[in-house]
Amino acid sequence: MTEVTVDWRAVAIDSLRAAADDFAVRAQLQETSRDSARPGTGRHHHHAHSATLWRLAEQSLRARISELELPSAP
């Protein structure tokens, strides 16, 4: 019988990377909506703010991914 070893760290990093990619797509959608709205309107502000939040969330996840990818200290 063969034992299966799962690298849970790699699984977690892959999951975080997928979430960050999804956040980037959501930010892009909000930026597209922002760009189609008239500047100075509530709709424009809402989409601009939402895009900023999605980008910040994406950057936070990508920073955490970078930390997790660093070699472990012995």
N, C-alpha and C. Protein backbone atom coordinates (compact mmCIF):
# COMPACT_ATOMS: atom_id res chain seq x y z
N MET A 1 0.84 -1.17 0.00
CA MET A 1 0.00 0.00 0.00
C MET A 1 0.89 1.25 0.00
N THR A 2 0.53 2.25 -0.80
CA THR A 2 1.31 3.47 -0.91
C THR A 2 0.66 4.57 -0.08
N GLU A 3 1.49 5.24 0.69
CA GLU A 3 0.99 6.35 1.52
C GLU A 3 1.02 7.63 0.70
N VAL A 4 -0.05 8.39 0.79
CA VAL A 4 -0.16 9.66 0.07
C VAL A 4 0.21 10.78 1.03
N THR A 5 1.12 11.63 0.60
CA THR A 5 1.52 12.77 1.40
C THR A 5 0.96 14.03 0.75
N VAL A 6 0.32 14.84 1.56
CA VAL A 6 -0.26 16.09 1.07
C VAL A 6 0.55 17.25 1.63
N ASP A 7 0.97 18.13 0.75
CA ASP A 7 1.68 19.33 1.17
C ASP A 7 0.63 20.41 1.43
N TRP A 8 0.19 20.48 2.69
CA TRP A 8 -0.89 21.40 3.04
C TRP A 8 -0.50 22.86 2.84
N ARG A 9 0.77 23.15 2.98
CA ARG A 9 1.25 24.51 2.76
C ARG A 9 1.02 24.90 1.31
N ALA A 10 1.36 24.02 0.38
CA ALA A 10 1.17 24.29 -1.04
C ALA A 10 -0.32 24.41 -1.37
N VAL A 11 -1.13 23.59 -0.73
CA VAL A 11 -2.58 23.66 -0.95
C VAL A 11 -3.11 25.02 -0.48
N ALA A 12 -2.64 25.45 0.68
CA ALA A 12 -3.08 26.76 1.22
C ALA A 12 -2.63 27.90 0.31
N ILE A 13 -1.39 27.84 -0.16
CA ILE A 13 -0.88 28.88 -1.05
C ILE A 13 -1.67 28.92 -2.35
N ASP A 14 -1.97 27.76 -2.90
CA ASP A 14 -2.77 27.70 -4.13
C ASP A 14 -4.17 28.30 -3.92
N SER A 15 -4.76 28.02 -2.77
CA SER A 15 -6.09 28.56 -2.45
C SER A 15 -6.03 30.08 -2.31
N LEU A 16 -4.99 30.57 -1.62
CA LEU A 16 -4.84 32.03 -1.48
C LEU A 16 -4.59 32.69 -2.82
N ARG A 17 -3.80 32.04 -3.67
CA ARG A 17 -3.52 32.59 -4.99
C ARG A 17 -4.81 32.67 -5.83
N ALA A 18 -5.64 31.64 -5.75
CA ALA A 18 -6.92 31.65 -6.48
C ALA A 18 -7.82 32.76 -5.97
N ALA A 19 -7.85 32.97 -4.66
CA ALA A 19 -8.66 34.04 -4.08
C ALA A 19 -8.13 35.40 -4.53
N ALA A 20 -6.81 35.58 -4.53
CA ALA A 20 -6.23 36.85 -4.97
C ALA A 20 -6.56 37.12 -6.44
N ASP A 21 -6.50 36.09 -7.26
CA ASP A 21 -6.85 36.24 -8.67
C ASP A 21 -8.32 36.65 -8.83
N ASP A 22 -9.18 36.05 -8.01
CA ASP A 22 -10.60 36.40 -8.04
C ASP A 22 -10.81 37.85 -7.60
N PHE A 23 -10.08 38.27 -6.57
CA PHE A 23 -10.19 39.65 -6.10
C PHE A 23 -9.74 40.61 -7.20
N ALA A 24 -8.71 40.24 -7.96
CA ALA A 24 -8.23 41.10 -9.05
C ALA A 24 -9.30 41.24 -10.13
N VAL A 25 -9.98 40.16 -10.43
CA VAL A 25 -11.07 40.21 -11.42
C VAL A 25 -12.19 41.11 -10.92
N ARG A 26 -12.55 40.97 -9.67
CA ARG A 26 -13.61 41.81 -9.10
C ARG A 26 -13.23 43.28 -9.11
N ALA A 27 -11.96 43.57 -8.80
CA ALA A 27 -11.49 44.95 -8.85
C ALA A 27 -11.59 45.51 -10.27
N GLN A 28 -11.20 44.69 -11.23
CA GLN A 28 -11.26 45.12 -12.63
C GLN A 28 -12.70 45.42 -13.05
N LEU A 29 -13.64 44.60 -12.61
CA LEU A 29 -15.05 44.86 -12.92
C LEU A 29 -15.52 46.17 -12.31
N GLN A 30 -15.10 46.44 -11.08
CA GLN A 30 -15.48 47.70 -10.43
C GLN A 30 -14.83 48.89 -11.13
N GLU A 31 -13.58 48.73 -11.57
CA GLU A 31 -12.89 49.80 -12.29
C GLU A 31 -13.57 50.08 -13.63
N THR A 32 -14.03 49.04 -14.29
CA THR A 32 -14.75 49.21 -15.55
C THR A 32 -16.06 49.96 -15.32
N SER A 33 -16.77 49.58 -14.26
CA SER A 33 -18.03 50.27 -13.93
C SER A 33 -17.76 51.72 -13.54
N ARG A 34 -16.67 51.94 -12.79
CA ARG A 34 -16.30 53.30 -12.40
C ARG A 34 -16.03 54.15 -13.63
N ASP A 35 -15.30 53.57 -14.59
CA ASP A 35 -14.93 54.33 -15.79
C ASP A 35 -16.12 54.64 -16.68
N SER A 36 -17.17 53.84 -16.57
CA SER A 36 -18.36 54.10 -17.39
C SER A 36 -19.33 55.06 -16.70
N ALA A 37 -19.10 55.34 -15.44
CA ALA A 37 -19.97 56.27 -14.69
C ALA A 37 -19.47 57.70 -14.86
N ARG A 38 -20.40 58.61 -14.71
CA ARG A 38 -20.04 60.02 -14.81
C ARG A 38 -19.27 60.44 -13.56
N PRO A 39 -18.10 61.06 -13.73
CA PRO A 39 -17.31 61.49 -12.57
C PRO A 39 -18.11 62.42 -11.65
N GLY A 40 -17.90 62.24 -10.37
CA GLY A 40 -18.56 63.08 -9.38
C GLY A 40 -19.91 62.56 -8.91
N THR A 41 -20.39 61.49 -9.52
CA THR A 41 -21.68 60.93 -9.12
C THR A 41 -21.49 59.89 -8.01
N GLY A 42 -22.57 59.56 -7.36
CA GLY A 42 -22.53 58.52 -6.33
C GLY A 42 -22.11 57.18 -6.92
N ARG A 43 -22.59 56.88 -8.10
CA ARG A 43 -22.24 55.61 -8.76
C ARG A 43 -20.74 55.54 -9.03
N HIS A 44 -20.16 56.63 -9.51
CA HIS A 44 -18.73 56.68 -9.77
C HIS A 44 -17.95 56.47 -8.46
N HIS A 45 -18.35 57.18 -7.43
CA HIS A 45 -17.67 57.07 -6.14
C HIS A 45 -17.79 55.65 -5.58
N HIS A 46 -18.98 55.08 -5.67
CA HIS A 46 -19.21 53.72 -5.14
C HIS A 46 -18.28 52.71 -5.81
N HIS A 47 -18.21 52.75 -7.13
CA HIS A 47 -17.38 51.79 -7.85
C HIS A 47 -15.89 52.06 -7.62
N ALA A 48 -15.50 53.32 -7.50
CA ALA A 48 -14.10 53.64 -7.22
C ALA A 48 -13.70 53.11 -5.85
N HIS A 49 -14.55 53.32 -4.86
CA HIS A 49 -14.28 52.85 -3.51
C HIS A 49 -14.23 51.32 -3.47
N SER A 50 -15.17 50.69 -4.13
CA SER A 50 -15.23 49.23 -4.16
C SER A 50 -13.99 48.66 -4.85
N ALA A 51 -13.56 49.26 -5.94
CA ALA A 51 -12.36 48.80 -6.64
C ALA A 51 -11.13 48.91 -5.74
N THR A 52 -11.06 50.00 -4.99
CA THR A 52 -9.94 50.19 -4.06
C THR A 52 -9.92 49.10 -3.01
N LEU A 53 -11.07 48.77 -2.46
CA LEU A 53 -11.14 47.72 -1.43
C LEU A 53 -10.74 46.36 -1.99
N TRP A 54 -11.19 46.03 -3.20
CA TRP A 54 -10.80 44.77 -3.81
C TRP A 54 -9.31 44.73 -4.08
N ARG A 55 -8.73 45.83 -4.54
CA ARG A 55 -7.28 45.88 -4.82
C ARG A 55 -6.49 45.73 -3.51
N LEU A 56 -6.94 46.38 -2.44
CA LEU A 56 -6.26 46.25 -1.16
C LEU A 56 -6.31 44.82 -0.65
N ALA A 57 -7.45 44.17 -0.80
CA ALA A 57 -7.59 42.78 -0.38
C ALA A 57 -6.67 41.89 -1.21
N GLU A 58 -6.62 42.15 -2.51
CA GLU A 58 -5.73 41.37 -3.39
C GLU A 58 -4.27 41.55 -2.97
N GLN A 59 -3.85 42.79 -2.73
CA GLN A 59 -2.47 43.06 -2.33
C GLN A 59 -2.13 42.40 -1.00
N SER A 60 -3.08 42.41 -0.09
CA SER A 60 -2.86 41.78 1.21
C SER A 60 -2.64 40.28 1.06
N LEU A 61 -3.47 39.65 0.25
CA LEU A 61 -3.31 38.21 0.02
C LEU A 61 -1.99 37.89 -0.68
N ARG A 62 -1.64 38.68 -1.66
CA ARG A 62 -0.39 38.43 -2.38
C ARG A 62 0.82 38.62 -1.46
N ALA A 63 0.74 39.57 -0.53
CA ALA A 63 1.82 39.75 0.44
C ALA A 63 1.92 38.53 1.34
N ARG A 64 0.80 38.03 1.78
CA ARG A 64 0.79 36.84 2.64
C ARG A 64 1.32 35.62 1.88
N ILE A 65 0.97 35.49 0.62
CA ILE A 65 1.47 34.40 -0.22
C ILE A 65 3.00 34.48 -0.30
N SER A 66 3.52 35.69 -0.52
CA SER A 66 4.98 35.87 -0.59
C SER A 66 5.65 35.43 0.71
N GLU A 67 5.03 35.78 1.85
CA GLU A 67 5.58 35.37 3.14
C GLU A 67 5.58 33.85 3.28
N LEU A 68 4.51 33.22 2.86
CA LEU A 68 4.41 31.77 2.98
C LEU A 68 5.36 31.02 2.05
N GLU A 69 5.71 31.67 0.94
CA GLU A 69 6.60 31.04 -0.03
C GLU A 69 8.08 31.13 0.37
N LEU A 70 8.40 31.98 1.34
CA LEU A 70 9.78 32.07 1.79
C LEU A 70 10.19 30.75 2.44
N PRO A 71 11.46 30.39 2.25
CA PRO A 71 11.91 29.14 2.87
C PRO A 71 11.76 29.20 4.40
N SER A 72 11.36 28.11 4.97
CA SER A 72 11.20 28.02 6.43
C SER A 72 12.56 28.04 7.09
N ALA A 73 12.62 28.69 8.23
CA ALA A 73 13.86 28.71 9.02
C ALA A 73 14.04 27.34 9.67
N PRO A 74 15.27 26.86 9.77
CA PRO A 74 15.49 25.53 10.36
C PRO A 74 15.19 25.49 11.84
